[in-house]
């Protein structure tokens, strides 16, 4: 992989990265001592801001869908990865089609609003639409994965595998707290796309990236 200066083995060792429950590897690099009331957590006190390194490798190439209440900034260091974002629809049904839905019913019938799905590649190839920074707002389902073509290339040798991945910094504002975090489950995924045109297809596409219901 081009522009991959430091191999994964060295990154994990020198940055003291550990397996992340979401997938990949991480280490918290900063947690501000000052606390503020979070507007996204009913005014509960949270650190002013937190940051982590987050790494995807061929051995741990993806993260499960999850949601944070706080705002998260993603800043690329090296490599590339694909991010899938699902923004839930408004709570109430709409009587006219959503801008991001694919309605098939007539305009006088009640439409089920569709979640808005967005795919973004973090990388250095701006000409291909890749971005070096990604902002994910509150209440958005998010997952990330290494691209299939990069994983195929990594299979050619241990050296290529060690130089395939994606290292970023995540900055969470107000700071991260597990109380503000949740995973998308299979049941939650089905509810998210219930009644949506093509909903079963979306469930089938995303179900391997959600956790089983407990």
N, C-alpha and C. Protein backbone atom coordinates (compact mmCIF):
# COMPACT_ATOMS: atom_id res chain seq x y z
N UNK A 1 0.85 -1.20 0.00
CA UNK A 1 0.00 0.00 0.00
C UNK A 1 0.88 1.24 0.00
N UNK A 2 0.61 2.17 -0.91
CA UNK A 2 1.39 3.40 -1.00
C UNK A 2 1.19 4.26 0.24
N UNK A 3 2.22 5.06 0.56
CA UNK A 3 2.16 6.01 1.66
C UNK A 3 1.86 5.32 3.00
N UNK A 4 2.42 4.10 3.18
CA UNK A 4 2.25 3.39 4.45
C UNK A 4 3.63 3.26 5.07
N UNK A 5 4.05 4.31 5.76
CA UNK A 5 5.44 4.44 6.19
C UNK A 5 5.83 3.44 7.25
N UNK A 6 4.95 3.17 8.21
CA UNK A 6 5.29 2.30 9.33
C UNK A 6 4.38 1.08 9.32
N UNK A 7 4.97 -0.11 9.39
CA UNK A 7 4.18 -1.35 9.35
C UNK A 7 3.32 -1.53 10.58
N UNK A 8 2.32 -2.39 10.45
CA UNK A 8 1.37 -2.60 11.54
C UNK A 8 2.01 -3.17 12.80
N UNK A 9 2.94 -4.10 12.60
CA UNK A 9 3.60 -4.70 13.76
C UNK A 9 4.29 -3.63 14.60
N UNK A 10 5.00 -2.73 13.93
CA UNK A 10 5.69 -1.64 14.63
C UNK A 10 4.70 -0.67 15.25
N UNK A 11 3.61 -0.37 14.55
CA UNK A 11 2.61 0.55 15.09
C UNK A 11 2.00 0.00 16.39
N UNK A 12 1.62 -1.26 16.36
CA UNK A 12 0.99 -1.86 17.54
C UNK A 12 1.95 -1.85 18.73
N UNK A 13 3.23 -2.10 18.43
CA UNK A 13 4.23 -2.12 19.50
C UNK A 13 4.54 -0.73 20.04
N UNK A 14 4.86 0.21 19.15
CA UNK A 14 5.32 1.52 19.60
C UNK A 14 4.20 2.40 20.14
N UNK A 15 2.98 2.21 19.63
CA UNK A 15 1.85 3.01 20.11
C UNK A 15 1.07 2.33 21.23
N UNK A 16 1.50 1.11 21.60
CA UNK A 16 0.83 0.34 22.67
C UNK A 16 -0.64 0.12 22.36
N UNK A 17 -0.92 -0.29 21.13
CA UNK A 17 -2.30 -0.51 20.71
C UNK A 17 -2.81 -1.85 21.24
N UNK A 18 -4.08 -1.87 21.59
CA UNK A 18 -4.73 -3.09 22.09
C UNK A 18 -5.98 -3.36 21.25
N UNK A 19 -6.44 -4.61 21.19
CA UNK A 19 -7.68 -4.90 20.46
C UNK A 19 -8.85 -4.07 20.99
N UNK A 20 -9.62 -3.51 20.06
CA UNK A 20 -10.80 -2.72 20.42
C UNK A 20 -12.03 -3.61 20.37
N UNK A 21 -12.96 -3.46 21.31
CA UNK A 21 -14.20 -4.26 21.26
C UNK A 21 -14.97 -4.11 19.97
N UNK A 22 -14.85 -2.95 19.32
CA UNK A 22 -15.55 -2.72 18.04
C UNK A 22 -14.88 -3.42 16.88
N UNK A 23 -13.63 -3.84 17.06
CA UNK A 23 -12.79 -4.33 15.98
C UNK A 23 -11.59 -3.42 15.83
N UNK A 24 -10.53 -3.89 15.17
CA UNK A 24 -9.33 -3.09 15.04
C UNK A 24 -8.57 -2.99 16.35
N UNK A 25 -7.68 -1.99 16.43
CA UNK A 25 -6.85 -1.75 17.61
C UNK A 25 -6.97 -0.28 18.00
N UNK A 26 -6.68 0.01 19.28
CA UNK A 26 -6.77 1.40 19.73
C UNK A 26 -5.92 1.62 20.97
N UNK A 27 -5.71 2.88 21.27
CA UNK A 27 -5.19 3.31 22.56
C UNK A 27 -5.67 4.73 22.79
N UNK A 28 -6.12 5.02 24.00
CA UNK A 28 -6.51 6.39 24.32
C UNK A 28 -5.26 7.23 24.49
N UNK A 29 -5.19 8.36 23.81
CA UNK A 29 -4.00 9.21 23.84
C UNK A 29 -4.19 10.47 24.66
N UNK A 30 -5.43 10.85 24.93
CA UNK A 30 -5.66 12.04 25.74
C UNK A 30 -7.08 12.02 26.30
N UNK A 31 -7.21 12.50 27.53
CA UNK A 31 -8.52 12.72 28.14
C UNK A 31 -8.41 13.99 28.97
N UNK A 32 -9.05 15.06 28.50
CA UNK A 32 -8.97 16.34 29.19
C UNK A 32 -9.59 16.24 30.58
N UNK A 33 -8.89 16.84 31.56
CA UNK A 33 -9.38 16.78 32.94
C UNK A 33 -10.61 17.68 33.14
N UNK A 34 -10.67 18.77 32.40
CA UNK A 34 -11.82 19.67 32.53
C UNK A 34 -13.08 18.98 32.02
N UNK A 35 -14.18 19.14 32.76
CA UNK A 35 -15.44 18.52 32.35
C UNK A 35 -16.45 19.59 32.00
N UNK A 36 -17.38 19.22 31.11
CA UNK A 36 -18.43 20.12 30.67
C UNK A 36 -19.74 19.34 30.60
N UNK A 37 -20.88 20.02 30.74
CA UNK A 37 -22.16 19.34 30.54
C UNK A 37 -22.35 19.03 29.05
N UNK A 38 -22.64 17.77 28.74
CA UNK A 38 -22.79 17.39 27.34
C UNK A 38 -24.20 17.67 26.85
N UNK A 39 -24.35 18.44 25.76
CA UNK A 39 -25.68 18.69 25.20
C UNK A 39 -26.27 17.44 24.55
N UNK A 40 -25.44 16.42 24.34
CA UNK A 40 -25.89 15.19 23.70
C UNK A 40 -26.23 14.09 24.71
N UNK A 41 -25.97 14.36 26.01
CA UNK A 41 -26.21 13.35 27.05
C UNK A 41 -27.00 13.94 28.21
N UNK A 42 -28.01 14.76 27.85
CA UNK A 42 -28.92 15.35 28.85
C UNK A 42 -28.17 16.13 29.92
N UNK A 43 -27.09 16.80 29.52
CA UNK A 43 -26.37 17.66 30.44
C UNK A 43 -25.43 16.96 31.39
N UNK A 44 -25.26 15.66 31.24
CA UNK A 44 -24.33 14.94 32.11
C UNK A 44 -22.90 15.41 31.84
N UNK A 45 -22.09 15.42 32.91
CA UNK A 45 -20.73 15.89 32.78
C UNK A 45 -19.87 14.89 32.02
N UNK A 46 -19.11 15.43 31.07
CA UNK A 46 -18.18 14.63 30.29
C UNK A 46 -16.86 15.41 30.18
N UNK A 47 -15.79 14.67 29.91
CA UNK A 47 -14.52 15.32 29.63
C UNK A 47 -14.70 16.31 28.47
N UNK A 48 -13.94 17.40 28.51
CA UNK A 48 -14.02 18.38 27.42
C UNK A 48 -13.74 17.73 26.07
N UNK A 49 -12.81 16.77 26.06
CA UNK A 49 -12.50 16.07 24.82
C UNK A 49 -11.58 14.88 25.08
N UNK A 50 -11.67 13.87 24.23
CA UNK A 50 -10.79 12.71 24.32
C UNK A 50 -10.27 12.37 22.93
N UNK A 51 -9.17 11.64 22.87
CA UNK A 51 -8.64 11.22 21.58
C UNK A 51 -8.05 9.83 21.69
N UNK A 52 -8.07 9.10 20.56
CA UNK A 52 -7.46 7.77 20.48
C UNK A 52 -6.76 7.62 19.14
N UNK A 53 -5.79 6.70 19.09
CA UNK A 53 -5.35 6.13 17.84
C UNK A 53 -6.26 4.94 17.56
N UNK A 54 -6.60 4.75 16.27
CA UNK A 54 -7.41 3.60 15.88
C UNK A 54 -6.80 3.01 14.62
N UNK A 55 -6.58 1.68 14.64
CA UNK A 55 -5.90 1.02 13.54
C UNK A 55 -6.69 -0.20 13.06
N UNK A 56 -6.88 -0.30 11.75
CA UNK A 56 -7.41 -1.50 11.12
C UNK A 56 -6.26 -2.20 10.40
N UNK A 57 -6.22 -3.54 10.50
CA UNK A 57 -5.19 -4.35 9.86
C UNK A 57 -5.86 -5.53 9.16
N UNK A 58 -5.14 -6.27 8.31
CA UNK A 58 -5.73 -7.46 7.69
C UNK A 58 -6.18 -8.50 8.71
N UNK A 59 -5.56 -8.53 9.88
CA UNK A 59 -5.98 -9.47 10.93
C UNK A 59 -7.25 -9.00 11.64
N UNK A 60 -7.44 -7.71 11.74
CA UNK A 60 -8.64 -7.11 12.34
C UNK A 60 -9.10 -5.99 11.41
N UNK A 61 -9.78 -6.37 10.29
CA UNK A 61 -9.99 -5.43 9.18
C UNK A 61 -11.27 -4.61 9.24
N UNK A 62 -12.09 -4.78 10.28
CA UNK A 62 -13.37 -4.06 10.29
C UNK A 62 -13.83 -3.78 11.70
N UNK A 63 -14.73 -2.79 11.79
CA UNK A 63 -15.38 -2.47 13.04
C UNK A 63 -16.88 -2.64 12.90
N UNK A 64 -17.54 -3.05 13.98
CA UNK A 64 -18.99 -3.23 13.97
C UNK A 64 -19.71 -1.88 14.01
N UNK A 65 -20.93 -1.88 13.50
CA UNK A 65 -21.75 -0.67 13.58
C UNK A 65 -21.96 -0.27 15.04
N UNK A 66 -21.73 1.00 15.30
CA UNK A 66 -21.93 1.54 16.64
C UNK A 66 -22.31 3.01 16.51
N UNK A 67 -22.79 3.57 17.61
CA UNK A 67 -23.23 4.97 17.63
C UNK A 67 -22.69 5.64 18.89
N UNK A 68 -22.19 6.86 18.71
CA UNK A 68 -21.79 7.70 19.84
C UNK A 68 -22.68 8.93 19.90
N UNK A 69 -22.97 9.38 21.13
CA UNK A 69 -23.78 10.58 21.27
C UNK A 69 -22.97 11.84 20.95
N UNK A 70 -21.67 11.79 21.23
CA UNK A 70 -20.83 12.96 20.98
C UNK A 70 -20.41 13.04 19.52
N UNK A 71 -19.83 14.16 19.16
CA UNK A 71 -19.31 14.38 17.81
C UNK A 71 -17.91 13.78 17.73
N UNK A 72 -17.61 13.12 16.60
CA UNK A 72 -16.30 12.48 16.44
C UNK A 72 -15.61 12.97 15.17
N UNK A 73 -14.38 13.45 15.35
CA UNK A 73 -13.54 13.85 14.23
C UNK A 73 -12.54 12.73 13.95
N UNK A 74 -12.43 12.32 12.68
CA UNK A 74 -11.49 11.28 12.26
C UNK A 74 -10.42 11.93 11.40
N UNK A 75 -9.15 11.75 11.77
CA UNK A 75 -8.04 12.36 11.06
C UNK A 75 -7.08 11.26 10.62
N UNK A 76 -6.80 11.20 9.32
CA UNK A 76 -5.99 10.13 8.75
C UNK A 76 -4.49 10.36 8.98
N UNK A 77 -3.80 9.28 9.35
CA UNK A 77 -2.34 9.29 9.42
C UNK A 77 -1.74 8.54 8.24
N UNK A 78 -2.20 7.32 7.99
CA UNK A 78 -1.69 6.56 6.85
C UNK A 78 -2.68 5.44 6.49
N UNK A 79 -2.58 4.97 5.22
CA UNK A 79 -3.46 3.90 4.75
C UNK A 79 -4.79 4.44 4.26
N UNK A 80 -5.76 3.55 4.17
CA UNK A 80 -7.10 3.98 3.79
C UNK A 80 -8.11 2.95 4.28
N UNK A 81 -9.35 3.42 4.45
CA UNK A 81 -10.44 2.57 4.91
C UNK A 81 -11.76 3.16 4.45
N UNK A 82 -12.75 2.30 4.34
CA UNK A 82 -14.09 2.71 3.93
C UNK A 82 -14.96 2.85 5.18
N UNK A 83 -15.68 3.96 5.25
CA UNK A 83 -16.61 4.21 6.36
C UNK A 83 -18.03 4.20 5.81
N UNK A 84 -18.90 3.46 6.50
CA UNK A 84 -20.32 3.44 6.17
C UNK A 84 -21.08 4.11 7.30
N UNK A 85 -21.86 5.12 6.96
CA UNK A 85 -22.63 5.89 7.93
C UNK A 85 -24.12 5.70 7.64
N UNK A 86 -24.89 5.43 8.68
CA UNK A 86 -26.34 5.33 8.55
C UNK A 86 -26.97 6.35 9.48
N UNK A 87 -27.66 7.32 8.89
CA UNK A 87 -28.35 8.33 9.68
C UNK A 87 -29.82 7.92 9.79
N UNK A 88 -30.29 7.62 11.01
CA UNK A 88 -31.68 7.20 11.17
C UNK A 88 -32.65 8.25 10.65
N UNK A 89 -33.82 7.82 10.19
CA UNK A 89 -34.81 8.76 9.67
C UNK A 89 -35.53 9.48 10.80
N UNK A 90 -36.32 10.49 10.48
CA UNK A 90 -37.15 11.13 11.50
C UNK A 90 -38.04 10.11 12.20
N UNK A 91 -38.39 10.40 13.42
CA UNK A 91 -39.17 9.45 14.22
C UNK A 91 -40.54 9.21 13.63
N UNK A 92 -41.19 10.26 13.13
CA UNK A 92 -42.56 10.13 12.64
C UNK A 92 -42.57 9.83 11.14
N UNK A 93 -43.53 9.03 10.67
CA UNK A 93 -43.66 8.78 9.22
C UNK A 93 -43.95 10.06 8.47
N UNK A 94 -43.53 10.11 7.22
CA UNK A 94 -43.76 11.27 6.38
C UNK A 94 -44.91 10.99 5.42
N UNK A 95 -45.60 12.05 5.00
CA UNK A 95 -46.68 11.89 4.02
C UNK A 95 -46.18 12.17 2.62
N UNK A 96 -44.93 12.63 2.53
CA UNK A 96 -44.30 12.82 1.21
C UNK A 96 -42.94 12.15 1.25
N UNK A 97 -42.41 11.79 0.08
CA UNK A 97 -41.15 11.06 0.07
C UNK A 97 -40.00 11.85 0.69
N UNK A 98 -39.13 11.15 1.42
CA UNK A 98 -37.92 11.73 1.95
C UNK A 98 -36.94 11.99 0.81
N UNK A 99 -36.07 13.00 1.00
CA UNK A 99 -35.07 13.30 -0.03
C UNK A 99 -34.14 12.12 -0.26
N UNK A 100 -33.99 11.26 0.75
CA UNK A 100 -33.03 10.17 0.66
C UNK A 100 -33.71 8.80 0.59
N UNK A 101 -35.01 8.78 0.32
CA UNK A 101 -35.71 7.50 0.20
C UNK A 101 -35.96 7.18 -1.26
N UNK A 102 -36.39 5.95 -1.49
CA UNK A 102 -36.71 5.52 -2.85
C UNK A 102 -38.18 5.07 -2.88
N UNK A 103 -39.10 6.00 -2.79
CA UNK A 103 -40.50 5.64 -2.68
C UNK A 103 -41.03 5.03 -3.97
N UNK A 104 -41.94 4.06 -3.83
CA UNK A 104 -42.58 3.46 -4.98
C UNK A 104 -44.09 3.65 -4.93
N UNK A 105 -44.57 4.06 -3.75
CA UNK A 105 -46.01 4.24 -3.61
C UNK A 105 -46.40 5.62 -4.13
N UNK A 106 -47.71 5.84 -4.30
CA UNK A 106 -48.20 7.12 -4.81
C UNK A 106 -48.01 8.20 -3.76
N UNK A 107 -48.02 9.46 -4.21
CA UNK A 107 -47.70 10.57 -3.33
C UNK A 107 -48.74 10.79 -2.26
N UNK A 108 -49.96 10.25 -2.40
CA UNK A 108 -50.98 10.47 -1.38
C UNK A 108 -50.97 9.38 -0.32
N UNK A 109 -50.07 8.43 -0.39
CA UNK A 109 -49.97 7.39 0.63
C UNK A 109 -48.85 7.72 1.61
N UNK A 110 -48.94 7.15 2.79
CA UNK A 110 -47.93 7.41 3.81
C UNK A 110 -46.64 6.66 3.47
N UNK A 111 -45.53 7.36 3.44
CA UNK A 111 -44.25 6.77 3.12
C UNK A 111 -43.45 6.53 4.40
N UNK A 112 -42.77 5.42 4.46
CA UNK A 112 -41.86 5.16 5.57
C UNK A 112 -40.53 5.80 5.22
N UNK A 113 -40.06 6.77 6.03
CA UNK A 113 -38.81 7.44 5.70
C UNK A 113 -37.64 6.48 5.76
N UNK A 114 -36.74 6.61 4.83
CA UNK A 114 -35.60 5.71 4.74
C UNK A 114 -34.40 6.30 5.46
N UNK A 115 -33.65 5.47 6.17
CA UNK A 115 -32.37 5.95 6.71
C UNK A 115 -31.47 6.44 5.57
N UNK A 116 -30.66 7.41 5.86
CA UNK A 116 -29.73 7.93 4.86
C UNK A 116 -28.40 7.20 5.00
N UNK A 117 -27.96 6.56 3.94
CA UNK A 117 -26.73 5.77 3.96
C UNK A 117 -25.66 6.50 3.15
N UNK A 118 -24.48 6.63 3.73
CA UNK A 118 -23.38 7.32 3.07
C UNK A 118 -22.11 6.49 3.21
N UNK A 119 -21.34 6.40 2.14
CA UNK A 119 -20.06 5.70 2.16
C UNK A 119 -18.95 6.69 1.84
N UNK A 120 -17.93 6.69 2.70
CA UNK A 120 -16.81 7.61 2.54
C UNK A 120 -15.52 6.81 2.67
N UNK A 121 -14.55 7.10 1.81
CA UNK A 121 -13.24 6.45 1.92
C UNK A 121 -12.24 7.47 2.47
N UNK A 122 -11.65 7.13 3.61
CA UNK A 122 -10.56 7.93 4.14
C UNK A 122 -9.27 7.46 3.48
N UNK A 123 -8.58 8.36 2.84
CA UNK A 123 -7.34 8.04 2.13
C UNK A 123 -6.72 9.31 1.60
N UNK A 124 -5.64 9.14 0.84
CA UNK A 124 -4.89 10.30 0.36
C UNK A 124 -5.15 10.64 -1.10
N UNK A 125 -5.96 9.84 -1.79
CA UNK A 125 -6.22 10.08 -3.21
C UNK A 125 -7.41 11.02 -3.37
N UNK A 126 -7.14 12.30 -3.31
CA UNK A 126 -8.21 13.29 -3.41
C UNK A 126 -8.90 13.24 -4.77
N UNK A 127 -8.15 12.89 -5.82
CA UNK A 127 -8.73 12.82 -7.16
C UNK A 127 -9.81 11.75 -7.24
N UNK A 128 -9.70 10.72 -6.40
CA UNK A 128 -10.69 9.64 -6.36
C UNK A 128 -11.78 9.90 -5.33
N UNK A 129 -11.77 11.08 -4.73
CA UNK A 129 -12.79 11.42 -3.75
C UNK A 129 -12.48 11.01 -2.33
N UNK A 130 -11.27 10.52 -2.08
CA UNK A 130 -10.90 10.13 -0.72
C UNK A 130 -10.66 11.37 0.13
N UNK A 131 -10.89 11.23 1.43
CA UNK A 131 -10.76 12.38 2.33
C UNK A 131 -9.78 12.05 3.45
N UNK A 132 -9.14 13.09 3.95
CA UNK A 132 -8.19 12.94 5.06
C UNK A 132 -8.83 13.21 6.40
N UNK A 133 -10.02 13.82 6.39
CA UNK A 133 -10.72 14.10 7.64
C UNK A 133 -12.20 13.79 7.45
N UNK A 134 -12.80 13.21 8.48
CA UNK A 134 -14.22 12.86 8.43
C UNK A 134 -14.87 13.25 9.74
N UNK A 135 -15.94 14.02 9.65
CA UNK A 135 -16.71 14.41 10.84
C UNK A 135 -17.99 13.59 10.88
N UNK A 136 -18.20 12.91 12.00
CA UNK A 136 -19.43 12.14 12.21
C UNK A 136 -20.17 12.76 13.38
N UNK A 137 -21.39 13.22 13.12
CA UNK A 137 -22.15 13.91 14.14
C UNK A 137 -22.81 12.96 15.13
N UNK A 138 -23.57 13.53 16.02
CA UNK A 138 -24.25 12.76 17.04
C UNK A 138 -25.34 11.88 16.43
N UNK A 139 -25.54 10.71 17.03
CA UNK A 139 -26.66 9.86 16.65
C UNK A 139 -26.56 9.20 15.29
N UNK A 140 -25.34 8.92 14.81
CA UNK A 140 -25.13 8.30 13.51
C UNK A 140 -24.51 6.92 13.70
N UNK A 141 -25.09 5.90 13.06
CA UNK A 141 -24.48 4.57 13.08
C UNK A 141 -23.26 4.58 12.17
N UNK A 142 -22.15 4.00 12.64
CA UNK A 142 -20.89 4.07 11.90
C UNK A 142 -20.16 2.74 11.97
N UNK A 143 -19.56 2.37 10.85
CA UNK A 143 -18.63 1.23 10.83
C UNK A 143 -17.52 1.54 9.83
N UNK A 144 -16.40 0.82 9.96
CA UNK A 144 -15.29 1.01 9.04
C UNK A 144 -14.69 -0.34 8.65
N UNK A 145 -14.05 -0.38 7.49
CA UNK A 145 -13.41 -1.62 7.04
C UNK A 145 -12.33 -1.31 6.02
N UNK A 146 -11.33 -2.18 5.96
CA UNK A 146 -10.35 -2.09 4.89
C UNK A 146 -11.01 -2.50 3.59
N UNK A 147 -10.55 -1.93 2.49
CA UNK A 147 -11.18 -2.21 1.20
C UNK A 147 -10.80 -3.61 0.70
N UNK A 148 -11.74 -4.31 0.05
CA UNK A 148 -11.48 -5.67 -0.43
C UNK A 148 -10.24 -5.78 -1.31
N UNK A 149 -10.02 -4.80 -2.19
CA UNK A 149 -8.87 -4.89 -3.08
C UNK A 149 -7.55 -4.76 -2.32
N UNK A 150 -7.55 -4.00 -1.23
CA UNK A 150 -6.35 -3.88 -0.40
C UNK A 150 -6.09 -5.18 0.37
N UNK A 151 -7.16 -5.81 0.84
CA UNK A 151 -7.01 -7.08 1.54
C UNK A 151 -6.52 -8.18 0.61
N UNK A 152 -6.97 -8.16 -0.65
CA UNK A 152 -6.48 -9.14 -1.62
C UNK A 152 -4.99 -8.95 -1.88
N UNK A 153 -4.56 -7.71 -2.00
CA UNK A 153 -3.15 -7.43 -2.22
C UNK A 153 -2.32 -7.87 -1.01
N UNK A 154 -2.87 -7.72 0.17
CA UNK A 154 -2.14 -8.08 1.39
C UNK A 154 -1.86 -9.57 1.48
N UNK A 155 -2.66 -10.38 0.78
CA UNK A 155 -2.47 -11.83 0.82
C UNK A 155 -1.23 -12.29 0.08
N UNK A 156 -0.64 -11.41 -0.71
CA UNK A 156 0.48 -11.82 -1.55
C UNK A 156 1.76 -12.10 -0.77
N UNK A 157 1.93 -11.42 0.37
CA UNK A 157 3.12 -11.66 1.17
C UNK A 157 2.93 -11.07 2.57
N UNK A 158 3.67 -11.59 3.55
CA UNK A 158 3.62 -11.01 4.90
C UNK A 158 4.05 -9.55 4.92
N UNK A 159 4.99 -9.20 4.05
CA UNK A 159 5.46 -7.82 4.00
C UNK A 159 4.35 -6.88 3.54
N UNK A 160 3.61 -7.28 2.50
CA UNK A 160 2.50 -6.46 2.03
C UNK A 160 1.38 -6.41 3.07
N UNK A 161 1.15 -7.50 3.75
CA UNK A 161 0.12 -7.52 4.79
C UNK A 161 0.46 -6.54 5.91
N UNK A 162 1.74 -6.48 6.28
CA UNK A 162 2.16 -5.59 7.35
C UNK A 162 2.06 -4.12 6.95
N UNK A 163 2.07 -3.86 5.65
CA UNK A 163 1.98 -2.48 5.15
C UNK A 163 0.60 -2.18 4.56
N UNK A 164 -0.42 -2.94 5.02
CA UNK A 164 -1.80 -2.71 4.60
C UNK A 164 -2.64 -2.41 5.84
N UNK A 165 -3.34 -1.31 5.82
CA UNK A 165 -4.17 -0.96 6.98
C UNK A 165 -4.61 0.48 6.92
N UNK A 166 -5.07 0.97 8.05
CA UNK A 166 -5.48 2.37 8.15
C UNK A 166 -5.31 2.82 9.59
N UNK A 167 -4.50 3.85 9.78
CA UNK A 167 -4.28 4.44 11.11
C UNK A 167 -4.86 5.84 11.12
N UNK A 168 -5.72 6.09 12.09
CA UNK A 168 -6.32 7.42 12.24
C UNK A 168 -6.25 7.85 13.70
N UNK A 169 -6.50 9.12 13.91
CA UNK A 169 -6.81 9.64 15.25
C UNK A 169 -8.29 9.97 15.27
N UNK A 170 -8.95 9.60 16.35
CA UNK A 170 -10.34 10.01 16.58
C UNK A 170 -10.37 10.97 17.76
N UNK A 171 -11.01 12.12 17.56
CA UNK A 171 -11.19 13.10 18.62
C UNK A 171 -12.70 13.20 18.90
N UNK A 172 -13.09 12.97 20.14
CA UNK A 172 -14.51 12.95 20.52
C UNK A 172 -14.80 14.16 21.41
N UNK A 173 -15.83 14.93 21.03
CA UNK A 173 -16.20 16.16 21.73
C UNK A 173 -17.70 16.23 21.95
N UNK A 174 -18.17 16.39 23.19
CA UNK A 174 -17.44 16.19 24.45
C UNK A 174 -16.87 14.77 24.52
N UNK A 175 -15.98 14.54 25.48
CA UNK A 175 -15.20 13.32 25.51
C UNK A 175 -16.00 12.03 25.56
N UNK A 176 -15.35 10.96 25.11
CA UNK A 176 -15.99 9.65 25.03
C UNK A 176 -16.33 9.12 26.42
N UNK A 177 -17.51 8.50 26.50
CA UNK A 177 -17.94 7.78 27.69
C UNK A 177 -18.74 6.58 27.22
N UNK A 178 -18.46 5.41 27.78
CA UNK A 178 -19.16 4.21 27.34
C UNK A 178 -20.67 4.32 27.54
N UNK A 179 -21.10 5.17 28.45
CA UNK A 179 -22.54 5.36 28.66
C UNK A 179 -23.20 5.99 27.44
N UNK A 180 -22.40 6.70 26.63
CA UNK A 180 -22.93 7.38 25.44
C UNK A 180 -22.75 6.55 24.17
N UNK A 181 -22.36 5.31 24.32
CA UNK A 181 -22.01 4.44 23.19
C UNK A 181 -22.95 3.24 23.15
N UNK A 182 -23.32 2.82 21.94
CA UNK A 182 -24.09 1.58 21.82
C UNK A 182 -23.81 0.93 20.48
N UNK A 183 -23.96 -0.40 20.46
CA UNK A 183 -23.78 -1.18 19.23
C UNK A 183 -25.12 -1.40 18.55
N UNK A 184 -25.09 -1.51 17.23
CA UNK A 184 -26.27 -1.90 16.47
C UNK A 184 -26.38 -3.42 16.49
N UNK A 185 -27.54 -3.94 16.86
CA UNK A 185 -27.78 -5.39 16.90
C UNK A 185 -28.61 -5.81 15.70
N UNK A 186 -28.73 -7.10 15.51
CA UNK A 186 -29.53 -7.61 14.39
C UNK A 186 -30.98 -7.14 14.51
N UNK A 187 -31.53 -7.18 15.70
CA UNK A 187 -32.90 -6.72 15.91
C UNK A 187 -33.01 -5.23 15.64
N UNK A 188 -32.02 -4.46 16.08
CA UNK A 188 -32.03 -3.02 15.83
C UNK A 188 -31.91 -2.69 14.36
N UNK A 189 -31.11 -3.49 13.64
CA UNK A 189 -30.97 -3.30 12.19
C UNK A 189 -32.28 -3.55 11.48
N UNK A 190 -32.98 -4.60 11.85
CA UNK A 190 -34.26 -4.91 11.23
C UNK A 190 -35.28 -3.82 11.51
N UNK A 191 -35.30 -3.28 12.73
CA UNK A 191 -36.22 -2.19 13.05
C UNK A 191 -35.88 -0.93 12.27
N UNK A 192 -34.58 -0.69 12.06
CA UNK A 192 -34.13 0.51 11.35
C UNK A 192 -34.66 0.55 9.93
N UNK A 193 -34.76 -0.64 9.29
CA UNK A 193 -35.18 -0.70 7.89
C UNK A 193 -36.58 -1.31 7.72
N UNK A 194 -37.31 -1.46 8.82
CA UNK A 194 -38.66 -2.03 8.75
C UNK A 194 -39.57 -1.14 7.92
N UNK A 195 -40.23 -1.73 6.92
CA UNK A 195 -41.17 -0.99 6.09
C UNK A 195 -40.54 -0.12 5.03
N UNK A 196 -39.21 -0.08 4.97
CA UNK A 196 -38.51 0.74 3.99
C UNK A 196 -38.41 -0.03 2.67
N UNK A 197 -38.66 0.66 1.56
CA UNK A 197 -38.52 0.01 0.26
C UNK A 197 -37.10 -0.53 0.10
N UNK A 198 -36.97 -1.83 -0.16
CA UNK A 198 -35.65 -2.45 -0.26
C UNK A 198 -35.00 -2.71 1.08
N UNK A 199 -35.77 -2.62 2.16
CA UNK A 199 -35.22 -2.78 3.50
C UNK A 199 -34.56 -4.12 3.75
N UNK A 200 -35.18 -5.19 3.21
CA UNK A 200 -34.61 -6.53 3.42
C UNK A 200 -33.23 -6.65 2.79
N UNK A 201 -33.03 -5.97 1.68
CA UNK A 201 -31.73 -5.99 1.01
C UNK A 201 -30.67 -5.31 1.88
N UNK A 202 -31.06 -4.19 2.49
CA UNK A 202 -30.12 -3.48 3.36
C UNK A 202 -29.77 -4.34 4.57
N UNK A 203 -30.77 -4.98 5.16
CA UNK A 203 -30.53 -5.85 6.31
C UNK A 203 -29.56 -6.96 5.94
N UNK A 204 -29.77 -7.57 4.78
CA UNK A 204 -28.90 -8.64 4.31
C UNK A 204 -27.48 -8.15 4.09
N UNK A 205 -27.35 -6.92 3.58
CA UNK A 205 -26.03 -6.36 3.30
C UNK A 205 -25.26 -6.06 4.57
N UNK A 206 -25.96 -5.55 5.59
CA UNK A 206 -25.28 -5.05 6.79
C UNK A 206 -25.25 -6.04 7.95
N UNK A 207 -25.97 -7.14 7.89
CA UNK A 207 -26.14 -7.98 9.07
C UNK A 207 -24.82 -8.58 9.58
N UNK A 208 -23.83 -8.78 8.71
CA UNK A 208 -22.56 -9.33 9.18
C UNK A 208 -21.76 -8.29 9.96
N UNK A 209 -22.17 -7.04 9.93
CA UNK A 209 -21.45 -5.99 10.61
C UNK A 209 -22.16 -5.51 11.88
N UNK A 210 -23.15 -6.27 12.37
CA UNK A 210 -23.82 -5.93 13.61
C UNK A 210 -23.66 -7.10 14.58
N UNK A 211 -23.90 -6.81 15.86
CA UNK A 211 -23.76 -7.84 16.89
C UNK A 211 -25.05 -8.64 17.02
N UNK A 212 -24.91 -9.87 17.46
CA UNK A 212 -26.09 -10.69 17.72
C UNK A 212 -26.83 -10.14 18.93
N UNK A 213 -28.14 -10.31 18.94
CA UNK A 213 -28.93 -9.85 20.09
C UNK A 213 -28.59 -10.70 21.30
N UNK A 214 -28.44 -10.03 22.46
CA UNK A 214 -28.08 -10.75 23.68
C UNK A 214 -29.32 -11.35 24.33
